C-alpha atoms as a PDB file:
ATOM      1  CA  MET A   1     -10.474  -4.078  14.488  1.00  0.00           C
ATOM      2  CA  GLY A   2      -7.808  -4.914  17.055  1.00  0.00           C
ATOM      3  CA  ARG A   3      -4.248  -6.024  16.869  1.00  0.00           C
ATOM      4  CA  HIS A   4      -5.283  -9.662  17.485  1.00  0.00           C
ATOM      5  CA  TYR A   5      -5.459  -9.901  13.682  1.00  0.00           C
ATOM      6  CA  PHE A   6      -1.673  -9.818  13.670  1.00  0.00           C
ATOM      7  CA  PHE A   7      -1.012 -12.697  16.028  1.00  0.00           C
ATOM      8  CA  LEU A   8      -2.727 -15.633  14.340  1.00  0.00           C
ATOM      9  CA  ASP A   9      -0.971 -18.890  13.686  1.00  0.00           C
ATOM     10  CA  GLY A  10       0.313 -19.121  10.110  1.00  0.00           C
ATOM     11  CA  ASP A  11       1.079 -22.836  10.002  1.00  0.00           C
ATOM     12  CA  ALA A  12      -0.925 -23.246   6.788  1.00  0.00           C
ATOM     13  CA  PHE A  13       1.975 -21.615   4.992  1.00  0.00           C
ATOM     14  CA  LEU A  14       5.216 -23.513   5.506  1.00  0.00           C
ATOM     15  CA  GLY A  15       8.394 -24.272   3.626  1.00  0.00           C
ATOM     16  CA  ASP A  16       8.695 -23.173   0.036  1.00  0.00           C
ATOM     17  CA  VAL A  17       5.469 -21.150  -0.023  1.00  0.00           C
ATOM     18  CA  SER A  18       6.550 -18.912   2.846  1.00  0.00           C
ATOM     19  CA  LYS A  19      10.031 -18.587   1.344  1.00  0.00           C
ATOM     20  CA  ARG A  20       8.498 -17.332  -1.883  1.00  0.00           C
ATOM     21  CA  PHE A  21       6.684 -14.604   0.024  1.00  0.00           C
ATOM     22  CA  GLU A  22       9.952 -13.688   1.766  1.00  0.00           C
ATOM     23  CA  GLU A  23      11.626 -13.258  -1.627  1.00  0.00           C
ATOM     24  CA  GLU A  24       8.948 -10.977  -3.086  1.00  0.00           C
ATOM     25  CA  GLU A  25       9.985  -7.517  -4.176  1.00  0.00           C
ATOM     26  CA  PHE A  26       7.909  -5.556  -1.677  1.00  0.00           C
ATOM     27  CA  LEU A  27       9.207  -7.425   1.373  1.00  0.00           C
ATOM     28  CA  HIS A  28      12.756  -7.011   0.089  1.00  0.00           C
ATOM     29  CA  ASP A  29      12.293  -3.270  -0.343  1.00  0.00           C
ATOM     30  CA  PHE A  30      10.474  -2.828   2.967  1.00  0.00           C
ATOM     31  CA  LYS A  31      13.342  -4.500   4.830  1.00  0.00           C
ATOM     32  CA  GLN A  32      15.832  -2.297   2.975  1.00  0.00           C
ATOM     33  CA  PHE A  33      13.871   0.746   4.136  1.00  0.00           C
ATOM     34  CA  LEU A  34      13.915  -0.440   7.760  1.00  0.00           C
ATOM     35  CA  SER A  35      17.624  -1.153   7.645  1.00  0.00           C
ATOM     36  CA  TYR A  36      18.465   2.239   6.156  1.00  0.00           C
ATOM     37  CA  ALA A  37      16.183   4.180   8.518  1.00  0.00           C
ATOM     38  CA  VAL A  38      17.706   2.524  11.586  1.00  0.00           C
ATOM     39  CA  LYS A  39      21.296   2.773  10.351  1.00  0.00           C
ATOM     40  CA  TYR A  40      21.227   6.449   9.349  1.00  0.00           C
ATOM     41  CA  LYS A  41      18.862   7.744  12.063  1.00  0.00           C
ATOM     42  CA  ILE A  42      16.930   9.932   9.623  1.00  0.00           C
ATOM     43  CA  LYS A  43      15.732  13.264  10.983  1.00  0.00           C
ATOM     44  CA  LEU A  44      12.376  14.284   9.502  1.00  0.00           C
ATOM     45  CA  THR A  45      11.761  17.677   7.918  1.00  0.00           C
ATOM     46  CA  PRO A  46      10.429  20.250  10.425  1.00  0.00           C
ATOM     47  CA  LYS A  47       7.317  21.356   8.502  1.00  0.00           C
ATOM     48  CA  ASN A  48       5.735  18.166   7.131  1.00  0.00           C
ATOM     49  CA  ARG A  49       7.755  15.545   9.037  1.00  0.00           C
ATOM     50  CA  TRP A  50       8.833  13.918   5.776  1.00  0.00           C
ATOM     51  CA  ILE A  51      12.061  12.104   4.968  1.00  0.00           C
ATOM     52  CA  PRO A  52      14.573  14.509   3.331  1.00  0.00           C
ATOM     53  CA  MET A  53      15.066  13.937  -0.397  1.00  0.00           C
ATOM     54  CA  LYS A  54      18.744  12.970  -0.118  1.00  0.00           C
ATOM     55  CA  HIS A  55      17.609   9.927   1.871  1.00  0.00           C
ATOM     56  CA  ILE A  56      14.704   9.230  -0.519  1.00  0.00           C
ATOM     57  CA  TYR A  57      17.121   8.916  -3.440  1.00  0.00           C
ATOM     58  CA  ALA A  58      19.507   6.752  -1.387  1.00  0.00           C
ATOM     59  CA  ILE A  59      16.683   4.422  -0.254  1.00  0.00           C
ATOM     60  CA  ASN A  60      15.332   4.180  -3.788  1.00  0.00           C
ATOM     61  CA  ASP A  61      18.737   2.985  -5.014  1.00  0.00           C
ATOM     62  CA  LEU A  62      18.568   0.073  -2.539  1.00  0.00           C
ATOM     63  CA  PHE A  63      15.299  -1.233  -3.967  1.00  0.00           C
ATOM     64  CA  ARG A  64      15.220  -4.208  -6.287  1.00  0.00           C
ATOM     65  CA  ASN A  65      13.711  -2.143  -9.099  1.00  0.00           C
ATOM     66  CA  PRO A  66      14.296   1.528  -8.257  1.00  0.00           C
ATOM     67  CA  SER A  67      11.447   3.881  -9.173  1.00  0.00           C
ATOM     68  CA  GLN A  68      11.810   6.757 -11.615  1.00  0.00           C
ATOM     69  CA  LEU A  69      11.677   9.624  -9.150  1.00  0.00           C
ATOM     70  CA  ASP A  70      11.819  12.427 -11.712  1.00  0.00           C
ATOM     71  CA  ASP A  71       8.735  13.073 -13.862  1.00  0.00           C
ATOM     72  CA  THR A  72       8.975  13.609 -17.605  1.00  0.00           C
ATOM     73  CA  VAL A  73       6.138  15.481 -19.308  1.00  0.00           C
ATOM     74  CA  GLY A  74       6.797  15.983 -23.002  1.00  0.00           C
ATOM     75  CA  ASP A  75      10.368  17.250 -23.263  1.00  0.00           C
ATOM     76  CA  LYS A  76      10.513  18.551 -19.706  1.00  0.00           C
ATOM     77  CA  VAL A  77      11.953  16.743 -16.678  1.00  0.00           C
ATOM     78  CA  TYR A  78      10.616  17.682 -13.242  1.00  0.00           C
ATOM     79  CA  LYS A  79      12.810  16.713 -10.302  1.00  0.00           C
ATOM     80  CA  THR A  80      11.025  15.280  -7.268  1.00  0.00           C
ATOM     81  CA  ARG A  81      11.471  17.677  -4.340  1.00  0.00           C
ATOM     82  CA  GLU A  82       9.422  16.110  -1.538  1.00  0.00           C
ATOM     83  CA  GLU A  83       8.763  12.616  -0.195  1.00  0.00           C
ATOM     84  CA  PHE A  84       5.033  12.760  -0.946  1.00  0.00           C
ATOM     85  CA  ARG A  85       5.875  12.842  -4.674  1.00  0.00           C
ATOM     86  CA  ALA A  86       7.725   9.520  -4.411  1.00  0.00           C
ATOM     87  CA  PRO A  87       4.564   7.452  -3.745  1.00  0.00           C
ATOM     88  CA  ARG A  88       6.029   3.980  -3.261  1.00  0.00           C
ATOM     89  CA  ILE A  89       8.623   5.153  -0.733  1.00  0.00           C
ATOM     90  CA  TYR A  90       6.061   7.390   0.966  1.00  0.00           C
ATOM     91  CA  PHE A  91       3.701   4.418   1.296  1.00  0.00           C
ATOM     92  CA  ILE A  92       6.483   2.251   2.746  1.00  0.00           C
ATOM     93  CA  ASP A  93       7.327   5.036   5.205  1.00  0.00           C
ATOM     94  CA  LEU A  94       3.695   5.291   6.380  1.00  0.00           C
ATOM     95  CA  LEU A  95       3.452   1.505   6.543  1.00  0.00           C
ATOM     96  CA  ALA A  96       6.617   1.234   8.651  1.00  0.00           C
ATOM     97  CA  GLY A  97       4.912   3.459  11.213  1.00  0.00           C
ATOM     98  CA  ALA A  98       1.508   1.765  10.965  1.00  0.00           C
ATOM     99  CA  SER A  99       3.106  -1.649  11.540  1.00  0.00           C
ATOM    100  CA  GLU A 100       5.082  -0.275  14.524  1.00  0.00           C
ATOM    101  CA  CYS A 101       8.350  -1.302  12.923  1.00  0.00           C
ATOM    102  CA  ILE A 102       9.598   2.299  12.932  1.00  0.00           C
ATOM    103  CA  VAL A 103       8.790   5.259  15.177  1.00  0.00           C
ATOM    104  CA  ALA A 104       9.868   8.901  15.284  1.00  0.00           C
ATOM    105  CA  ASP A 105      11.354   9.850  18.653  1.00  0.00           C
ATOM    106  CA  ASP A 106      10.838  13.163  20.457  1.00  0.00           C
ATOM    107  CA  ARG A 107      13.496  14.746  18.203  1.00  0.00           C
ATOM    108  CA  ASP A 108      11.700  13.510  15.051  1.00  0.00           C
ATOM    109  CA  VAL A 109      14.476  11.021  14.348  1.00  0.00           C
ATOM    110  CA  LEU A 110      13.448   7.609  12.988  1.00  0.00           C
ATOM    111  CA  ALA A 111      14.245   4.672  15.271  1.00  0.00           C
ATOM    112  CA  PRO A 112      13.268   0.992  15.676  1.00  0.00           C
ATOM    113  CA  GLY A 113       9.656   0.633  16.802  1.00  0.00           C
ATOM    114  CA  PRO A 114       8.320  -1.729  19.495  1.00  0.00           C
ATOM    115  CA  LEU A 115       7.623  -4.476  16.941  1.00  0.00           C
ATOM    116  CA  TYR A 116      10.757  -4.043  14.806  1.00  0.00           C
ATOM    117  CA  ASN A 117      12.535  -7.211  15.949  1.00  0.00           C
ATOM    118  CA  ARG A 118       9.364  -9.272  16.091  1.00  0.00           C
ATOM    119  CA  PHE A 119       8.601  -8.414  12.475  1.00  0.00           C
ATOM    120  CA  LEU A 120      12.097  -9.298  11.251  1.00  0.00           C
ATOM    121  CA  ASN A 121      11.904 -12.689  12.990  1.00  0.00           C
ATOM    122  CA  MET A 122       8.645 -13.683  11.266  1.00  0.00           C
ATOM    123  CA  ASP A 123       8.506 -16.013   8.275  1.00  0.00           C
ATOM    124  CA  GLY A 124       7.597 -14.642   4.856  1.00  0.00           C
ATOM    125  CA  PHE A 125       3.857 -15.258   5.045  1.00  0.00           C
ATOM    126  CA  ASN A 126       3.474 -13.660   8.457  1.00  0.00           C
ATOM    127  CA  LYS A 127       5.571 -10.641   7.425  1.00  0.00           C
ATOM    128  CA  LYS A 128       3.305 -10.122   4.440  1.00  0.00           C
ATOM    129  CA  ARG A 129       0.138 -10.618   6.471  1.00  0.00           C
ATOM    130  CA  TRP A 130       1.395  -8.210   9.123  1.00  0.00           C
ATOM    131  CA  LEU A 131       1.969  -5.481   6.540  1.00  0.00           C
ATOM    132  CA  VAL A 132      -1.266  -6.003   4.598  1.00  0.00           C
ATOM    133  CA  LEU A 133      -3.331  -5.767   7.780  1.00  0.00           C
ATOM    134  CA  ALA A 134      -1.299  -2.813   9.051  1.00  0.00           C
ATOM    135  CA  TRP A 135      -2.123  -1.045   5.778  1.00  0.00           C
ATOM    136  CA  TYR A 136      -5.823  -1.796   6.049  1.00  0.00           C
ATOM    137  CA  PHE A 137      -6.407  -1.169   9.741  1.00  0.00           C
ATOM    138  CA  HIS A 138      -3.695   1.182  10.993  1.00  0.00           C
ATOM    139  CA  LEU A 139      -2.255   3.256   8.150  1.00  0.00           C
ATOM    140  CA  ASP A 140      -3.565   6.833   8.041  1.00  0.00           C
ATOM    141  CA  TRP A 141      -5.286   6.959   4.655  1.00  0.00           C
ATOM    142  CA  ASP A 142      -5.823  10.702   5.009  1.00  0.00           C
ATOM    143  CA  ASN A 143      -2.048  11.203   5.014  1.00  0.00           C
ATOM    144  CA  TRP A 144      -1.752   8.773   2.113  1.00  0.00           C
ATOM    145  CA  THR A 145      -4.397  10.475  -0.050  1.00  0.00           C
ATOM    146  CA  PRO A 146      -5.126  13.961   1.348  1.00  0.00           C
ATOM    147  CA  GLU A 147      -6.406  15.366  -1.962  1.00  0.00           C
ATOM    148  CA  GLY A 148     -10.088  16.167  -1.603  1.00  0.00           C
ATOM    149  CA  ASP A 149     -10.031  14.469   1.822  1.00  0.00           C
ATOM    150  CA  PHE A 150     -10.568  11.304  -0.225  1.00  0.00           C
ATOM    151  CA  GLY A 151      -8.401   8.936   1.812  1.00  0.00           C
ATOM    152  CA  GLU A 152     -10.179   9.936   5.007  1.00  0.00           C
ATOM    153  CA  THR A 153     -13.554   9.637   3.256  1.00  0.00           C
ATOM    154  CA  ILE A 154     -12.930   6.047   2.160  1.00  0.00           C
ATOM    155  CA  GLN A 155     -11.525   5.073   5.555  1.00  0.00           C
ATOM    156  CA  GLN A 156     -14.595   6.497   7.294  1.00  0.00           C
ATOM    157  CA  LYS A 157     -16.848   4.316   5.126  1.00  0.00           C
ATOM    158  CA  ASN A 158     -15.621   1.374   7.259  1.00  0.00           C
ATOM    159  CA  LEU A 159     -15.182  -0.878   4.245  1.00  0.00           C
ATOM    160  CA  GLU A 160     -14.960  -4.297   5.918  1.00  0.00           C
ATOM    161  CA  ALA A 161     -11.698  -6.087   5.280  1.00  0.00           C
ATOM    162  CA  VAL A 162     -12.909  -9.668   4.894  1.00  0.00           C
ATOM    163  CA  PRO A 163     -15.622  -8.982   2.254  1.00  0.00           C
ATOM    164  CA  TYR A 164     -13.257  -6.715   0.280  1.00  0.00           C
ATOM    165  CA  ILE A 165     -10.366  -9.179   0.382  1.00  0.00           C
ATOM    166  CA  LYS A 166     -12.758 -12.022  -0.433  1.00  0.00           C
ATOM    167  CA  GLU A 167     -14.071 -10.113  -3.446  1.00  0.00           C
ATOM    168  CA  VAL A 168     -10.543  -9.626  -4.771  1.00  0.00           C
ATOM    169  CA  SER A 169      -9.579 -13.255  -4.042  1.00  0.00           C
ATOM    170  CA  ASN A 170     -12.577 -14.455  -6.094  1.00  0.00           C
ATOM    171  CA  ILE A 171     -11.363 -12.682  -9.231  1.00  0.00           C
ATOM    172  CA  ARG A 172     -10.638 -15.255 -11.937  1.00  0.00           C
ATOM    173  CA  HIS A 173      -9.942 -13.085 -14.973  1.00  0.00           C
ATOM    174  CA  LYS A 174      -8.919  -9.541 -15.810  1.00  0.00           C
ATOM    175  CA  VAL A 175     -11.190  -6.933 -14.251  1.00  0.00           C
ATOM    176  CA  ASN A 176     -11.997  -3.717 -16.090  1.00  0.00           C
ATOM    177  CA  PHE A 177     -10.729  -0.856 -13.943  1.00  0.00           C
ATOM    178  CA  LYS A 178     -13.592   1.539 -14.711  1.00  0.00           C
ATOM    179  CA  LYS A 179     -16.247  -1.086 -13.934  1.00  0.00           C
ATOM    180  CA  PHE A 180     -14.533  -1.926 -10.649  1.00  0.00           C
ATOM    181  CA  THR A 181     -14.281   1.697  -9.554  1.00  0.00           C
ATOM    182  CA  LYS A 182     -17.855   2.454 -10.650  1.00  0.00           C
ATOM    183  CA  SER A 183     -19.244  -0.132  -8.225  1.00  0.00           C
ATOM    184  CA  TYR A 184     -17.337   1.418  -5.299  1.00  0.00           C
ATOM    185  CA  ILE A 185     -18.243   4.978  -6.251  1.00  0.00           C
ATOM    186  CA  GLU A 186     -21.930   4.025  -6.280  1.00  0.00           C
ATOM    187  CA  ASN A 187     -22.028   1.581  -3.358  1.00  0.00           C
ATOM    188  CA  LEU A 188     -20.033   3.845  -1.032  1.00  0.00           C
ATOM    189  CA  SER A 189     -21.741   7.048  -2.262  1.00  0.00           C
ATOM    190  CA  LEU A 190     -18.340   8.639  -2.861  1.00  0.00           C
ATOM    191  CA  LYS A 191     -18.031  12.288  -3.852  1.00  0.00           C
ATOM    192  CA  TRP A 192     -15.254  14.619  -4.954  1.00  0.00           C
ATOM    193  CA  ASN A 193     -15.935  18.291  -5.565  1.00  0.00           C
ATOM    194  CA  ALA A 194     -14.637  19.133  -9.038  1.00  0.00           C
ATOM    195  CA  PRO A 195     -15.535  21.671 -11.753  1.00  0.00           C
ATOM    196  CA  SER A 196     -17.091  19.032 -14.012  1.00  0.00           C
ATOM    197  CA  GLN A 197     -18.733  15.626 -13.709  1.00  0.00           C
ATOM    198  CA  SER A 198     -16.107  13.946 -15.904  1.00  0.00           C
ATOM    199  CA  LEU A 199     -13.236  15.376 -13.839  1.00  0.00           C
ATOM    200  CA  ASN A 200     -15.082  14.394 -10.673  1.00  0.00           C
ATOM    201  CA  ARG A 201     -15.252  10.768 -11.859  1.00  0.00           C
ATOM    202  CA  ASP A 202     -11.611  10.786 -13.008  1.00  0.00           C
ATOM    203  CA  LEU A 203     -10.492  11.989  -9.581  1.00  0.00           C
ATOM    204  CA  MET A 204     -12.589   9.400  -7.752  1.00  0.00           C
ATOM    205  CA  GLU A 205     -11.205   6.643  -9.980  1.00  0.00           C
ATOM    206  CA  TRP A 206      -7.688   7.834  -9.172  1.00  0.00           C
ATOM    207  CA  GLY A 207      -8.519   7.930  -5.447  1.00  0.00           C
ATOM    208  CA  ILE A 208      -9.871   4.368  -5.466  1.00  0.00           C
ATOM    209  CA  GLU A 209      -6.815   3.193  -7.382  1.00  0.00           C
ATOM    210  CA  ARG A 210      -4.481   4.856  -4.870  1.00  0.00           C
ATOM    211  CA  CYS A 211      -6.334   3.743  -1.723  1.00  0.00           C
ATOM    212  CA  LEU A 212      -7.671   0.269  -2.563  1.00  0.00           C
ATOM    213  CA  LEU A 213      -5.715  -1.112  -5.517  1.00  0.00           C
ATOM    214  CA  GLN A 214      -2.225   0.396  -5.683  1.00  0.00           C
ATOM    215  CA  PRO A 215      -1.217  -1.074  -2.290  1.00  0.00           C
ATOM    216  CA  LEU A 216      -2.351  -4.541  -3.457  1.00  0.00           C
ATOM    217  CA  SER A 217      -0.191  -4.108  -6.546  1.00  0.00           C
ATOM    218  CA  TRP A 218       2.833  -3.160  -4.440  1.00  0.00           C
ATOM    219  CA  PHE A 219       2.144  -6.142  -2.163  1.00  0.00           C
ATOM    220  CA  ASP A 220       2.559  -8.377  -5.259  1.00  0.00           C
ATOM    221  CA  ILE A 221      -1.085  -9.481  -4.982  1.00  0.00           C
ATOM    222  CA  ILE A 222      -2.575  -7.929  -8.115  1.00  0.00           C
ATOM    223  CA  ARG A 223      -1.000  -6.742 -11.341  1.00  0.00           C
ATOM    224  CA  PHE A 224      -2.120  -3.804 -13.481  1.00  0.00           C
ATOM    225  CA  ALA A 225      -2.428  -3.637 -17.255  1.00  0.00           C
ATOM    226  CA  HIS A 226      -1.972  -0.058 -18.481  1.00  0.00           C
ATOM    227  CA  LYS A 227      -2.887   2.038 -21.496  1.00  0.00           C
ATOM    228  CA  ILE A 228      -1.333   5.243 -22.822  1.00  0.00           C
ATOM    229  CA  GLU A 229      -3.604   8.242 -23.396  1.00  0.00           C
ATOM    230  CA  GLY A 230      -3.403  11.850 -24.580  1.00  0.00           C
ATOM    231  CA  LYS A 231      -0.754  13.985 -26.227  1.00  0.00           C
ATOM    232  CA  TYR A 232       1.456  13.702 -23.130  1.00  0.00           C
ATOM    233  CA  ASN A 233       1.307   9.885 -23.160  1.00  0.00           C
ATOM    234  CA  ILE A 234      -0.325   9.639 -19.739  1.00  0.00           C
ATOM    235  CA  ARG A 235      -0.193   6.091 -18.363  1.00  0.00           C
ATOM    236  CA  LYS A 236      -3.518   4.893 -16.941  1.00  0.00           C
ATOM    237  CA  VAL A 237      -4.802   1.608 -15.527  1.00  0.00           C
ATOM    238  CA  LYS A 238      -6.909  -0.312 -18.043  1.00  0.00           C
ATOM    239  CA  ASP A 239      -7.592  -3.452 -16.010  1.00  0.00           C
ATOM    240  CA  PHE A 240      -6.012  -5.712 -13.389  1.00  0.00           C
ATOM    241  CA  TYR A 241      -5.821  -9.355 -12.363  1.00  0.00           C
ATOM    242  CA  VAL A 242      -4.871 -11.343  -9.268  1.00  0.00           C
ATOM    243  CA  GLN A 243      -1.507 -13.102  -9.381  1.00  0.00           C
ATOM    244  CA  PRO A 244      -1.442 -16.840  -8.479  1.00  0.00           C
ATOM    245  CA  MET A 245       0.537 -16.380  -5.258  1.00  0.00           C
ATOM    246  CA  GLY A 246      -1.592 -13.363  -4.435  1.00  0.00           C
ATOM    247  CA  LYS A 247      -4.708 -15.496  -4.706  1.00  0.00           C
ATOM    248  CA  ILE A 248      -3.256 -18.136  -2.369  1.00  0.00           C
ATOM    249  CA  PHE A 249      -2.352 -15.436   0.140  1.00  0.00           C
ATOM    250  CA  LEU A 250      -5.769 -13.738   0.031  1.00  0.00           C
ATOM    251  CA  GLU A 251      -7.694 -16.997   0.345  1.00  0.00           C
ATOM    252  CA  GLU A 252      -5.756 -17.866   3.494  1.00  0.00           C
ATOM    253  CA  LEU A 253      -6.343 -14.371   4.847  1.00  0.00           C
ATOM    254  CA  VAL A 254     -10.088 -14.702   4.238  1.00  0.00           C
ATOM    255  CA  LYS A 255     -10.178 -18.052   6.081  1.00  0.00           C
ATOM    256  CA  MET A 256      -8.445 -16.507   9.073  1.00  0.00           C
ATOM    257  CA  GLY A 257     -10.739 -13.484   9.074  1.00  0.00           C
ATOM    258  CA  GLU A 258     -13.859 -15.651   8.934  1.00  0.00           C
ATOM    259  CA  LYS A 259     -12.575 -17.774  11.824  1.00  0.00           C
ATOM    260  CA  ILE A 260     -12.121 -14.605  13.886  1.00  0.00           C
ATOM    261  CA  LYS A 261     -15.632 -13.374  13.073  1.00  0.00           C
ATOM    262  CA  THR A 262     -17.062 -16.765  14.066  1.00  0.00           C
ATOM    263  CA  LYS A 263     -15.033 -16.845  17.278  1.00  0.00           C
ATOM    264  CA  HIS A 264     -16.064 -13.340  18.322  1.00  0.00           C
ATOM    265  CA  GLY A 265     -19.673 -13.743  17.270  1.00  0.00           C
END
């Protein structure tokens, strides 16, 4: 799946539609991340090559709707101590590298990547398309979801982009989360070694949510409906639906992908 996916003509999306994509929360936050990383020349941690937490908190404050970085379980508050535990920022960090907007130099300092300026000069639709395809084709899913080697497992299944995106774009109503994940667990023959069958399924559902659905939610394409469970009030996905602008975006992406498949036989 080559980089030619990134350089298609986006004339179908002009004017107000592209401006609306430009104004979406994820693009706003992604650009804030790029600006901060370039301005402050962040040096990554020596062991895991993560962004130090002082920068994570500063970046989070620049976002349109800052995340709650500290976890509360019952009456206890657990302070986030590593980038991996701030999932949205960690995803944006990985995506900045996958899209070649940001690179780490030989001193492990973040700097503008080869496509930094090109990305910033795109219109809203093409920025969004660039990032969605960078996530799907170039982001290291093993780094994103290392637990149980699940991210690597899903990526190795070579789940084709066009059929998956087309399936999501065809959603008309709310989709039950458990039914959605069940089909992927069975069709992809996914496994996760766990002490019990119920825990095994719970972990696979979480892995599918993190790898295939959570990014679409952050891209403002789908929206989750949640439920609260257990004595610790754990928040879980109940179902999800495709947002109107998300549907428009996906349908255009599918058209472009099908044109490429036709062109390349």
